């Protein structure tokens, strides 16, 4: 959101960039430790997709939905409190459902439970 706002992009482009970057960095943060632990690239990609897709999608859906319905949030500039305040609150609120999704996945041996199981052993 910061980059798109700085560049003067519209709402749809701003949200699209935020979602693309969230998935890129989310997957990267899972892939890097797996690769460092000796996991084969194809296996690491599979683990990252399983571990992070639902979690990132939940976070982005809730976060962006809040920003869309918050009056003026997407139109606020970088120097405005509304920009930073709405962004912080949207992220904080989105954390709750995302935590519950991750907890449910881990409880069932899915999601990051797979990533944790893969650490320290080569595939």
Protein backbone atom coordinates (compact mmCIF):
# COMPACT_ATOMS: atom_id res chain seq x y z
CA UNK A 1 0.00 0.00 0.00
CA UNK A 2 2.85 2.37 0.79
CA UNK A 3 4.52 1.92 -2.60
CA UNK A 4 1.29 2.20 -4.59
CA UNK A 5 0.25 5.29 -2.63
CA UNK A 6 3.69 6.85 -3.11
CA UNK A 7 3.51 6.14 -6.85
CA UNK A 8 -0.04 7.52 -7.08
CA UNK A 9 -1.62 4.25 -8.23
CA UNK A 10 -5.37 3.66 -8.05
CA UNK A 11 -7.19 1.45 -5.57
CA UNK A 12 -7.30 -1.73 -7.68
CA UNK A 13 -3.61 -1.51 -8.62
CA UNK A 14 -2.70 -0.76 -5.00
CA UNK A 15 -4.58 -3.79 -3.71
CA UNK A 16 -3.18 -6.01 -6.47
CA UNK A 17 0.38 -4.96 -5.64
CA UNK A 18 -0.22 -5.55 -1.92
CA UNK A 19 -1.55 -9.05 -2.59
CA UNK A 20 1.26 -9.99 -4.99
CA UNK A 21 3.92 -8.76 -2.57
CA UNK A 22 2.25 -10.50 0.38
CA UNK A 23 2.36 -13.85 -1.41
CA UNK A 24 5.91 -13.26 -2.70
CA UNK A 25 7.35 -12.38 0.69
CA UNK A 26 5.17 -14.88 2.56
CA UNK A 27 6.34 -17.76 0.38
CA UNK A 28 9.93 -16.48 0.49
CA UNK A 29 9.97 -16.44 4.29
CA UNK A 30 9.03 -20.12 4.25
CA UNK A 31 11.21 -21.15 1.31
CA UNK A 32 14.50 -19.66 2.49
CA UNK A 33 14.82 -21.66 5.74
CA UNK A 34 13.67 -24.84 3.98
CA UNK A 35 16.28 -24.43 1.27
CA UNK A 36 18.97 -23.63 3.85
CA UNK A 37 18.01 -26.84 5.68
CA UNK A 38 18.73 -28.80 2.50
CA UNK A 39 15.18 -29.34 1.25
CA UNK A 40 15.02 -29.83 -2.52
CA UNK A 41 13.57 -26.82 -4.38
CA UNK A 42 10.50 -28.66 -5.69
CA UNK A 43 9.71 -30.05 -2.24
CA UNK A 44 10.29 -26.65 -0.61
CA UNK A 45 7.93 -24.96 -3.07
CA UNK A 46 5.26 -27.58 -2.36
CA UNK A 47 5.65 -27.13 1.38
CA UNK A 48 5.50 -23.33 1.10
CA UNK A 49 2.35 -23.48 -1.03
CA UNK A 50 0.64 -25.79 1.44
CA UNK A 51 1.91 -23.92 4.49
CA UNK A 52 1.17 -20.36 3.44
CA UNK A 53 -1.52 -20.07 0.77
CA UNK A 54 -4.61 -20.14 3.00
CA UNK A 55 -2.92 -18.04 5.67
CA UNK A 56 -1.79 -15.29 3.28
CA UNK A 57 -5.12 -15.33 1.44
CA UNK A 58 -6.99 -14.89 4.73
CA UNK A 59 -4.75 -12.04 5.83
CA UNK A 60 -5.05 -10.24 2.50
CA UNK A 61 -8.80 -10.75 2.21
CA UNK A 62 -9.56 -9.36 5.67
CA UNK A 63 -6.94 -6.60 5.56
CA UNK A 64 -7.98 -5.27 2.15
CA UNK A 65 -11.70 -5.62 2.88
CA UNK A 66 -11.27 -3.38 5.90
CA UNK A 67 -9.35 -0.79 3.89
CA UNK A 68 -11.98 -0.87 1.14
CA UNK A 69 -14.90 -0.21 3.50
CA UNK A 70 -13.04 2.32 5.70
CA UNK A 71 -14.11 5.75 4.41
CA UNK A 72 -11.14 7.56 2.87
CA UNK A 73 -8.53 4.96 3.80
CA UNK A 74 -7.51 4.16 0.23
CA UNK A 75 -7.49 7.85 -0.71
CA UNK A 76 -5.33 8.99 2.21
CA UNK A 77 -1.79 10.16 1.53
CA UNK A 78 1.40 8.95 3.15
CA UNK A 79 1.58 12.04 5.38
CA UNK A 80 -1.90 11.47 6.79
CA UNK A 81 -2.71 9.70 10.05
CA UNK A 82 -5.70 8.06 8.33
CA UNK A 83 -3.36 6.17 5.99
CA UNK A 84 -1.14 4.75 8.73
CA UNK A 85 -3.89 4.33 11.32
CA UNK A 86 -6.25 2.45 9.00
CA UNK A 87 -3.38 0.30 7.74
CA UNK A 88 -2.29 -0.60 11.28
CA UNK A 89 -5.82 -1.36 12.45
CA UNK A 90 -6.62 -3.40 9.35
CA UNK A 91 -3.48 -5.49 9.87
CA UNK A 92 -4.24 -5.94 13.57
CA UNK A 93 -7.81 -7.04 12.87
CA UNK A 94 -6.72 -9.36 10.05
CA UNK A 95 -4.25 -11.03 12.39
CA UNK A 96 -7.11 -12.62 14.38
CA UNK A 97 -8.73 -14.67 11.60
CA UNK A 98 -5.32 -15.49 10.16
CA UNK A 99 -4.15 -16.80 13.53
CA UNK A 100 -7.25 -18.99 13.78
CA UNK A 101 -6.69 -20.37 10.26
CA UNK A 102 -3.06 -21.18 11.06
CA UNK A 103 -3.97 -22.75 14.39
CA UNK A 104 -6.62 -24.95 12.76
CA UNK A 105 -4.18 -26.03 10.05
CA UNK A 106 -1.38 -26.81 12.50
CA UNK A 107 -3.77 -28.73 14.78
CA UNK A 108 -4.62 -30.94 11.79
CA UNK A 109 -0.96 -31.46 10.88
CA UNK A 110 -1.22 -29.17 7.87
CA UNK A 111 -0.03 -25.66 7.05
CA UNK A 112 3.12 -24.70 8.92
CA UNK A 113 3.13 -28.04 10.71
CA UNK A 114 4.49 -29.39 7.41
CA UNK A 115 7.11 -26.65 7.21
CA UNK A 116 8.22 -27.30 10.79
CA UNK A 117 8.44 -31.02 10.13
CA UNK A 118 10.65 -30.38 7.11
CA UNK A 119 13.20 -28.21 8.93
CA UNK A 120 16.43 -29.96 9.62
CA UNK A 121 15.97 -32.82 7.19
CA UNK A 122 16.78 -32.95 3.50
CA UNK A 123 14.18 -34.03 0.92
